[in-house]
Amino acid sequence: MIARTDFEGDVNVGLFGVATDRFVFVSPNLSEKDLDAIEKSFNLPLVQTTIATIDLVGLVSVGNSNGILVPYTIYNEEFEALKASSEVPVEIIDSKLTALGNIIVANDNGAICHPEFDARSRKKMEDILDVEVIPGTVAKLPIVGSLALVTNVGAIVHPMVTEEETDSLAQLLKVHVEVGTVNRGSPYTSIGVLANSDGMIAGSDTTGVELAHISQMLGFV
């Protein structure tokens, strides 16, 4: 299913959740309308909690069908609630880099992270996500999580991505990679879209041309 909407009046819908092919992780504080849109679009179990009282769980966490990574700023009661409601492992990444959704991009085949993560953090990511994790950039920027919208089917990335970066993404994530934008020209593709292999919610400012391109690349048309 393909939808176009906003969450809490914000067109940056990707900030509000983590969509995998097994579950969707969102805050329980979203409105009934927004939760209903998510359930209809993905038809998957909802894993729900805040992170350090933040509703923008897509900004500060990342996951795939095998696990969820959260920052050390998560409160203990939130961490326990997340573990209790999730059928996959949940792990804390103890790093000063806390906006994990902004700086890690992952699918069920691989992951790319901010180059400043140390080897210990990358090993923990690999253990939980059960994929190879390598440091890298998109458009020569370390905020790979916000600049690459990736599912197990395809990827839409920042228009200024280099050929070397495209090749690295395609080889590791095992998907075809193309450039694109969301929400009337924004290059922050994953911030403007929440998607997995079977469903997609794009920000309401996304144009018809942008939506058609993203839908094609992610296998919906």
C-alpha atoms as a PDB file:
ATOM      1  CA  MET A   1       0.000   0.000   0.000  1.00  0.00           C
ATOM      2  CA  ILE A   2       1.163   3.522  -0.817  1.00  0.00           C
ATOM      3  CA  ALA A   3      -0.005   6.493   1.253  1.00  0.00           C
ATOM      4  CA  ARG A   4       0.817  10.181   1.376  1.00  0.00           C
ATOM      5  CA  THR A   5       0.189  12.018   4.645  1.00  0.00           C
ATOM      6  CA  ASP A   6       1.765  13.829   7.573  1.00  0.00           C
ATOM      7  CA  PHE A   7       2.241  12.798  11.183  1.00  0.00           C
ATOM      8  CA  GLU A   8       1.269  15.356  13.811  1.00  0.00           C
ATOM      9  CA  GLY A   9       1.306  17.968  11.049  1.00  0.00           C
ATOM     10  CA  ASP A  10       4.906  17.109  10.072  1.00  0.00           C
ATOM     11  CA  VAL A  11       5.649  15.921   6.524  1.00  0.00           C
ATOM     12  CA  ASN A  12       8.924  14.321   7.675  1.00  0.00           C
ATOM     13  CA  VAL A  13       7.147  11.042   8.358  1.00  0.00           C
ATOM     14  CA  GLY A  14      10.311   8.963   8.349  1.00  0.00           C
ATOM     15  CA  LEU A  15      11.381  10.548  11.620  1.00  0.00           C
ATOM     16  CA  PHE A  16       8.444   8.952  13.396  1.00  0.00           C
ATOM     17  CA  GLY A  17       9.177   5.282  12.854  1.00  0.00           C
ATOM     18  CA  VAL A  18      11.345   2.365  11.776  1.00  0.00           C
ATOM     19  CA  ALA A  19       9.703   0.074   9.227  1.00  0.00           C
ATOM     20  CA  THR A  20      11.095  -3.399   8.615  1.00  0.00           C
ATOM     21  CA  ASP A  21       9.632  -6.420   6.845  1.00  0.00           C
ATOM     22  CA  ARG A  22       8.790  -7.962  10.222  1.00  0.00           C
ATOM     23  CA  PHE A  23       7.521  -5.096  12.391  1.00  0.00           C
ATOM     24  CA  VAL A  24       7.138  -1.315  12.611  1.00  0.00           C
ATOM     25  CA  PHE A  25       8.620   0.580  15.562  1.00  0.00           C
ATOM     26  CA  VAL A  26       6.780   3.787  16.505  1.00  0.00           C
ATOM     27  CA  SER A  27       5.957   5.921  19.519  1.00  0.00           C
ATOM     28  CA  PRO A  28       2.722   5.108  21.365  1.00  0.00           C
ATOM     29  CA  ASN A  29       2.018   8.847  21.524  1.00  0.00           C
ATOM     30  CA  LEU A  30       1.123   9.198  17.853  1.00  0.00           C
ATOM     31  CA  SER A  31      -2.495  10.101  17.194  1.00  0.00           C
ATOM     32  CA  GLU A  32      -5.066   7.411  16.489  1.00  0.00           C
ATOM     33  CA  LYS A  33      -5.239   8.685  12.891  1.00  0.00           C
ATOM     34  CA  ASP A  34      -1.497   8.310  12.411  1.00  0.00           C
ATOM     35  CA  LEU A  35      -1.324   4.868  14.009  1.00  0.00           C
ATOM     36  CA  ASP A  36      -4.243   3.759  11.847  1.00  0.00           C
ATOM     37  CA  ALA A  37      -2.430   4.957   8.705  1.00  0.00           C
ATOM     38  CA  ILE A  38       0.670   3.011   9.730  1.00  0.00           C
ATOM     39  CA  GLU A  39      -1.287  -0.158  10.456  1.00  0.00           C
ATOM     40  CA  LYS A  40      -3.143   0.029   7.134  1.00  0.00           C
ATOM     41  CA  SER A  41       0.028   0.715   5.152  1.00  0.00           C
ATOM     42  CA  PHE A  42       2.149  -2.073   6.599  1.00  0.00           C
ATOM     43  CA  ASN A  43      -0.212  -4.593   8.254  1.00  0.00           C
ATOM     44  CA  LEU A  44       2.560  -5.607  10.668  1.00  0.00           C
ATOM     45  CA  PRO A  45       2.915  -5.736  14.464  1.00  0.00           C
ATOM     46  CA  LEU A  46       3.610  -2.341  16.026  1.00  0.00           C
ATOM     47  CA  VAL A  47       6.482  -2.160  18.501  1.00  0.00           C
ATOM     48  CA  GLN A  48       5.843   0.930  20.604  1.00  0.00           C
ATOM     49  CA  THR A  49       7.798   3.071  23.053  1.00  0.00           C
ATOM     50  CA  THR A  50       9.461   6.456  23.209  1.00  0.00           C
ATOM     51  CA  ILE A  51      13.235   6.943  23.468  1.00  0.00           C
ATOM     52  CA  ALA A  52      14.300   9.396  26.175  1.00  0.00           C
ATOM     53  CA  THR A  53      10.665  10.608  25.986  1.00  0.00           C
ATOM     54  CA  ILE A  54      11.196  11.436  22.289  1.00  0.00           C
ATOM     55  CA  ASP A  55       8.434  10.443  19.888  1.00  0.00           C
ATOM     56  CA  LEU A  56      10.740  10.678  16.852  1.00  0.00           C
ATOM     57  CA  VAL A  57      11.979   7.112  17.204  1.00  0.00           C
ATOM     58  CA  GLY A  58      13.016   7.008  13.552  1.00  0.00           C
ATOM     59  CA  LEU A  59      15.561   9.737  14.242  1.00  0.00           C
ATOM     60  CA  VAL A  60      17.253   8.071  17.195  1.00  0.00           C
ATOM     61  CA  SER A  61      16.932   4.346  16.406  1.00  0.00           C
ATOM     62  CA  VAL A  62      17.495   1.991  13.508  1.00  0.00           C
ATOM     63  CA  GLY A  63      16.632  -1.617  12.768  1.00  0.00           C
ATOM     64  CA  ASN A  64      16.004  -4.391  10.315  1.00  0.00           C
ATOM     65  CA  SER A  65      14.046  -7.643  10.498  1.00  0.00           C
ATOM     66  CA  ASN A  66      16.676  -9.057  12.856  1.00  0.00           C
ATOM     67  CA  GLY A  67      17.033  -6.400  15.552  1.00  0.00           C
ATOM     68  CA  ILE A  68      16.744  -2.836  16.840  1.00  0.00           C
ATOM     69  CA  LEU A  69      19.544  -0.473  17.873  1.00  0.00           C
ATOM     70  CA  VAL A  70      18.863   2.378  20.317  1.00  0.00           C
ATOM     71  CA  PRO A  71      21.077   5.092  21.894  1.00  0.00           C
ATOM     72  CA  TYR A  72      22.333   5.079  25.471  1.00  0.00           C
ATOM     73  CA  THR A  73      19.982   7.987  26.200  1.00  0.00           C
ATOM     74  CA  ILE A  74      17.007   5.619  26.303  1.00  0.00           C
ATOM     75  CA  TYR A  75      15.476   5.364  29.773  1.00  0.00           C
ATOM     76  CA  ASN A  76      15.567   2.004  31.489  1.00  0.00           C
ATOM     77  CA  GLU A  77      11.773   1.656  31.604  1.00  0.00           C
ATOM     78  CA  GLU A  78      11.596   2.439  27.872  1.00  0.00           C
ATOM     79  CA  PHE A  79      14.310  -0.116  27.131  1.00  0.00           C
ATOM     80  CA  GLU A  80      12.528  -2.799  29.116  1.00  0.00           C
ATOM     81  CA  ALA A  81       9.210  -1.970  27.440  1.00  0.00           C
ATOM     82  CA  LEU A  82      10.861  -2.154  24.027  1.00  0.00           C
ATOM     83  CA  LYS A  83      12.421  -5.529  24.757  1.00  0.00           C
ATOM     84  CA  ALA A  84       9.114  -6.841  26.093  1.00  0.00           C
ATOM     85  CA  SER A  85       7.117  -5.787  23.042  1.00  0.00           C
ATOM     86  CA  SER A  86       9.661  -6.774  20.403  1.00  0.00           C
ATOM     87  CA  GLU A  87      10.206 -10.271  19.044  1.00  0.00           C
ATOM     88  CA  VAL A  88      13.738  -9.360  17.929  1.00  0.00           C
ATOM     89  CA  PRO A  89      16.851  -8.459  19.968  1.00  0.00           C
ATOM     90  CA  VAL A  90      17.233  -4.862  21.133  1.00  0.00           C
ATOM     91  CA  GLU A  91      20.636  -3.396  21.951  1.00  0.00           C
ATOM     92  CA  ILE A  92      22.008  -0.088  23.223  1.00  0.00           C
ATOM     93  CA  ILE A  93      24.852   1.522  21.265  1.00  0.00           C
ATOM     94  CA  ASP A  94      27.012   3.297  23.841  1.00  0.00           C
ATOM     95  CA  SER A  95      28.297   6.190  21.754  1.00  0.00           C
ATOM     96  CA  LYS A  96      28.184   9.976  21.763  1.00  0.00           C
ATOM     97  CA  LEU A  97      26.569   9.567  18.338  1.00  0.00           C
ATOM     98  CA  THR A  98      22.964   9.160  19.443  1.00  0.00           C
ATOM     99  CA  ALA A  99      20.818  10.031  16.411  1.00  0.00           C
ATOM    100  CA  LEU A 100      21.192   6.468  15.122  1.00  0.00           C
ATOM    101  CA  GLY A 101      18.462   6.725  12.500  1.00  0.00           C
ATOM    102  CA  ASN A 102      20.261   9.731  11.069  1.00  0.00           C
ATOM    103  CA  ILE A 103      23.674   8.071  10.809  1.00  0.00           C
ATOM    104  CA  ILE A 104      23.027   4.371  10.107  1.00  0.00           C
ATOM    105  CA  VAL A 105      21.213   2.895   7.117  1.00  0.00           C
ATOM    106  CA  ALA A 106      20.317  -0.790   7.163  1.00  0.00           C
ATOM    107  CA  ASN A 107      18.270  -3.473   5.499  1.00  0.00           C
ATOM    108  CA  ASP A 108      18.288  -7.250   5.893  1.00  0.00           C
ATOM    109  CA  ASN A 109      21.420  -7.565   3.743  1.00  0.00           C
ATOM    110  CA  GLY A 110      23.818  -5.003   5.204  1.00  0.00           C
ATOM    111  CA  ALA A 111      24.316  -1.657   6.895  1.00  0.00           C
ATOM    112  CA  ILE A 112      26.416   1.470   6.498  1.00  0.00           C
ATOM    113  CA  CYS A 113      27.221   3.710   9.449  1.00  0.00           C
ATOM    114  CA  HIS A 114      28.815   7.038  10.304  1.00  0.00           C
ATOM    115  CA  PRO A 115      32.617   6.723   9.950  1.00  0.00           C
ATOM    116  CA  GLU A 116      33.212   7.854  13.541  1.00  0.00           C
ATOM    117  CA  PHE A 117      31.698   4.734  15.091  1.00  0.00           C
ATOM    118  CA  ASP A 118      34.472   2.610  16.577  1.00  0.00           C
ATOM    119  CA  ALA A 119      35.059  -1.062  15.841  1.00  0.00           C
ATOM    120  CA  ARG A 120      33.383  -2.144  19.082  1.00  0.00           C
ATOM    121  CA  SER A 121      30.161  -0.307  18.227  1.00  0.00           C
ATOM    122  CA  ARG A 122      30.178  -1.686  14.691  1.00  0.00           C
ATOM    123  CA  LYS A 123      30.629  -5.219  16.032  1.00  0.00           C
ATOM    124  CA  LYS A 124      27.612  -4.749  18.305  1.00  0.00           C
ATOM    125  CA  MET A 125      25.595  -3.478  15.355  1.00  0.00           C
ATOM    126  CA  GLU A 126      26.572  -6.544  13.347  1.00  0.00           C
ATOM    127  CA  ASP A 127      25.640  -8.906  16.167  1.00  0.00           C
ATOM    128  CA  ILE A 128      22.136  -7.439  16.573  1.00  0.00           C
ATOM    129  CA  LEU A 129      21.276  -6.687  12.947  1.00  0.00           C
ATOM    130  CA  ASP A 130      22.990  -9.896  11.790  1.00  0.00           C
ATOM    131  CA  VAL A 131      24.534  -8.184   8.761  1.00  0.00           C
ATOM    132  CA  GLU A 132      27.892  -6.742   7.776  1.00  0.00           C
ATOM    133  CA  VAL A 133      28.293  -3.104   8.874  1.00  0.00           C
ATOM    134  CA  ILE A 134      30.814  -0.824   7.203  1.00  0.00           C
ATOM    135  CA  PRO A 135      31.559   2.893   7.677  1.00  0.00           C
ATOM    136  CA  GLY A 136      30.669   5.123   4.767  1.00  0.00           C
ATOM    137  CA  THR A 137      29.143   8.306   3.408  1.00  0.00           C
ATOM    138  CA  VAL A 138      26.414   9.438   1.039  1.00  0.00           C
ATOM    139  CA  ALA A 139      27.048  12.600  -0.983  1.00  0.00           C
ATOM    140  CA  LYS A 140      30.334  12.706   0.964  1.00  0.00           C
ATOM    141  CA  LEU A 141      28.333  13.285   4.163  1.00  0.00           C
ATOM    142  CA  PRO A 142      28.318  10.987   7.222  1.00  0.00           C
ATOM    143  CA  ILE A 143      24.559  11.275   7.868  1.00  0.00           C
ATOM    144  CA  VAL A 144      23.908   8.190   5.768  1.00  0.00           C
ATOM    145  CA  GLY A 145      20.687   7.311   7.577  1.00  0.00           C
ATOM    146  CA  SER A 146      18.912  10.470   6.518  1.00  0.00           C
ATOM    147  CA  LEU A 147      20.255  10.571   2.971  1.00  0.00           C
ATOM    148  CA  ALA A 148      19.399   7.018   1.907  1.00  0.00           C
ATOM    149  CA  LEU A 149      15.929   5.485   1.886  1.00  0.00           C
ATOM    150  CA  VAL A 150      16.542   1.735   1.753  1.00  0.00           C
ATOM    151  CA  THR A 151      14.351  -1.358   1.830  1.00  0.00           C
ATOM    152  CA  ASN A 152      15.114  -4.940   0.824  1.00  0.00           C
ATOM    153  CA  VAL A 153      13.918  -4.065  -2.672  1.00  0.00           C
ATOM    154  CA  GLY A 154      15.576  -0.774  -3.612  1.00  0.00           C
ATOM    155  CA  ALA A 155      17.171   2.486  -2.500  1.00  0.00           C
ATOM    156  CA  ILE A 156      16.599   6.187  -3.177  1.00  0.00           C
ATOM    157  CA  VAL A 157      19.538   8.411  -2.213  1.00  0.00           C
ATOM    158  CA  HIS A 158      20.723  12.020  -2.194  1.00  0.00           C
ATOM    159  CA  PRO A 159      21.141  13.429  -5.733  1.00  0.00           C
ATOM    160  CA  MET A 160      24.782  14.316  -5.030  1.00  0.00           C
ATOM    161  CA  VAL A 161      25.798  10.738  -4.233  1.00  0.00           C
ATOM    162  CA  THR A 162      29.087   9.721  -5.837  1.00  0.00           C
ATOM    163  CA  GLU A 163      29.510   6.750  -8.149  1.00  0.00           C
ATOM    164  CA  GLU A 164      31.774   5.065  -5.609  1.00  0.00           C
ATOM    165  CA  GLU A 165      29.169   5.511  -2.861  1.00  0.00           C
ATOM    166  CA  THR A 166      26.427   4.158  -5.122  1.00  0.00           C
ATOM    167  CA  ASP A 167      28.485   1.081  -5.910  1.00  0.00           C
ATOM    168  CA  SER A 168      29.227   0.519  -2.216  1.00  0.00           C
ATOM    169  CA  LEU A 169      25.554   0.825  -1.254  1.00  0.00           C
ATOM    170  CA  ALA A 170      24.421  -1.486  -4.036  1.00  0.00           C
ATOM    171  CA  GLN A 171      27.036  -4.124  -3.279  1.00  0.00           C
ATOM    172  CA  LEU A 172      26.501  -4.197   0.481  1.00  0.00           C
ATOM    173  CA  LEU A 173      22.724  -3.764   0.601  1.00  0.00           C
ATOM    174  CA  LYS A 174      22.129  -5.892  -2.519  1.00  0.00           C
ATOM    175  CA  VAL A 175      19.617  -3.488  -4.063  1.00  0.00           C
ATOM    176  CA  HIS A 176      19.485  -1.197  -7.074  1.00  0.00           C
ATOM    177  CA  VAL A 177      20.280   2.402  -6.090  1.00  0.00           C
ATOM    178  CA  GLU A 178      18.990   5.563  -7.751  1.00  0.00           C
ATOM    179  CA  VAL A 179      18.903   9.228  -6.797  1.00  0.00           C
ATOM    180  CA  GLY A 180      15.703  11.011  -5.866  1.00  0.00           C
ATOM    181  CA  THR A 181      13.994  13.544  -3.624  1.00  0.00           C
ATOM    182  CA  VAL A 182      10.904  13.796  -1.411  1.00  0.00           C
ATOM    183  CA  ASN A 183       8.621  16.556  -0.153  1.00  0.00           C
ATOM    184  CA  ARG A 184       9.168  18.897  -3.108  1.00  0.00           C
ATOM    185  CA  GLY A 185      12.911  18.512  -3.579  1.00  0.00           C
ATOM    186  CA  SER A 186      14.267  17.462  -0.195  1.00  0.00           C
ATOM    187  CA  PRO A 187      17.356  15.236  -0.572  1.00  0.00           C
ATOM    188  CA  TYR A 188      16.759  13.722   2.897  1.00  0.00           C
ATOM    189  CA  THR A 189      14.914  10.790   1.425  1.00  0.00           C
ATOM    190  CA  SER A 190      14.555   8.575   4.487  1.00  0.00           C
ATOM    191  CA  ILE A 191      13.334  11.493   6.592  1.00  0.00           C
ATOM    192  CA  GLY A 192      10.438  12.068   4.197  1.00  0.00           C
ATOM    193  CA  VAL A 193       9.354   8.448   3.719  1.00  0.00           C
ATOM    194  CA  LEU A 194       8.588   5.455   5.945  1.00  0.00           C
ATOM    195  CA  ALA A 195       8.845   2.264   3.886  1.00  0.00           C
ATOM    196  CA  ASN A 196       9.490  -1.462   3.818  1.00  0.00           C
ATOM    197  CA  SER A 197       9.234  -4.054   1.034  1.00  0.00           C
ATOM    198  CA  ASP A 198       5.423  -4.072   1.056  1.00  0.00           C
ATOM    199  CA  GLY A 199       4.272  -0.565   2.000  1.00  0.00           C
ATOM    200  CA  MET A 200       5.208   3.089   1.948  1.00  0.00           C
ATOM    201  CA  ILE A 201       4.079   6.313   3.567  1.00  0.00           C
ATOM    202  CA  ALA A 202       5.448   9.490   1.989  1.00  0.00           C
ATOM    203  CA  GLY A 203       5.233  13.003   3.359  1.00  0.00           C
ATOM    204  CA  SER A 204       2.222  14.923   2.088  1.00  0.00           C
ATOM    205  CA  ASP A 205       4.436  17.475   0.285  1.00  0.00           C
ATOM    206  CA  THR A 206       5.878  14.735  -1.939  1.00  0.00           C
ATOM    207  CA  THR A 207       4.980  15.495  -5.554  1.00  0.00           C
ATOM    208  CA  GLY A 208       3.374  13.041  -7.917  1.00  0.00           C
ATOM    209  CA  VAL A 209       6.598  12.745  -9.901  1.00  0.00           C
ATOM    210  CA  GLU A 210       8.632  12.084  -6.744  1.00  0.00           C
ATOM    211  CA  LEU A 211       6.098   9.552  -5.498  1.00  0.00           C
ATOM    212  CA  ALA A 212       6.038   7.710  -8.810  1.00  0.00           C
ATOM    213  CA  HIS A 213       9.842   7.486  -8.918  1.00  0.00           C
ATOM    214  CA  ILE A 214      10.160   6.267  -5.329  1.00  0.00           C
ATOM    215  CA  SER A 215       7.323   3.777  -5.813  1.00  0.00           C
ATOM    216  CA  GLN A 216       8.972   2.343  -8.908  1.00  0.00           C
ATOM    217  CA  MET A 217      12.372   2.031  -7.245  1.00  0.00           C
ATOM    218  CA  LEU A 218      10.911   0.339  -4.167  1.00  0.00           C
ATOM    219  CA  GLY A 219       8.941  -2.125  -6.277  1.00  0.00           C
ATOM    220  CA  PHE A 220       5.383  -0.865  -5.793  1.00  0.00           C
ATOM    221  CA  VAL A 221       4.605  -0.280  -9.486  1.00  0.00           C
END
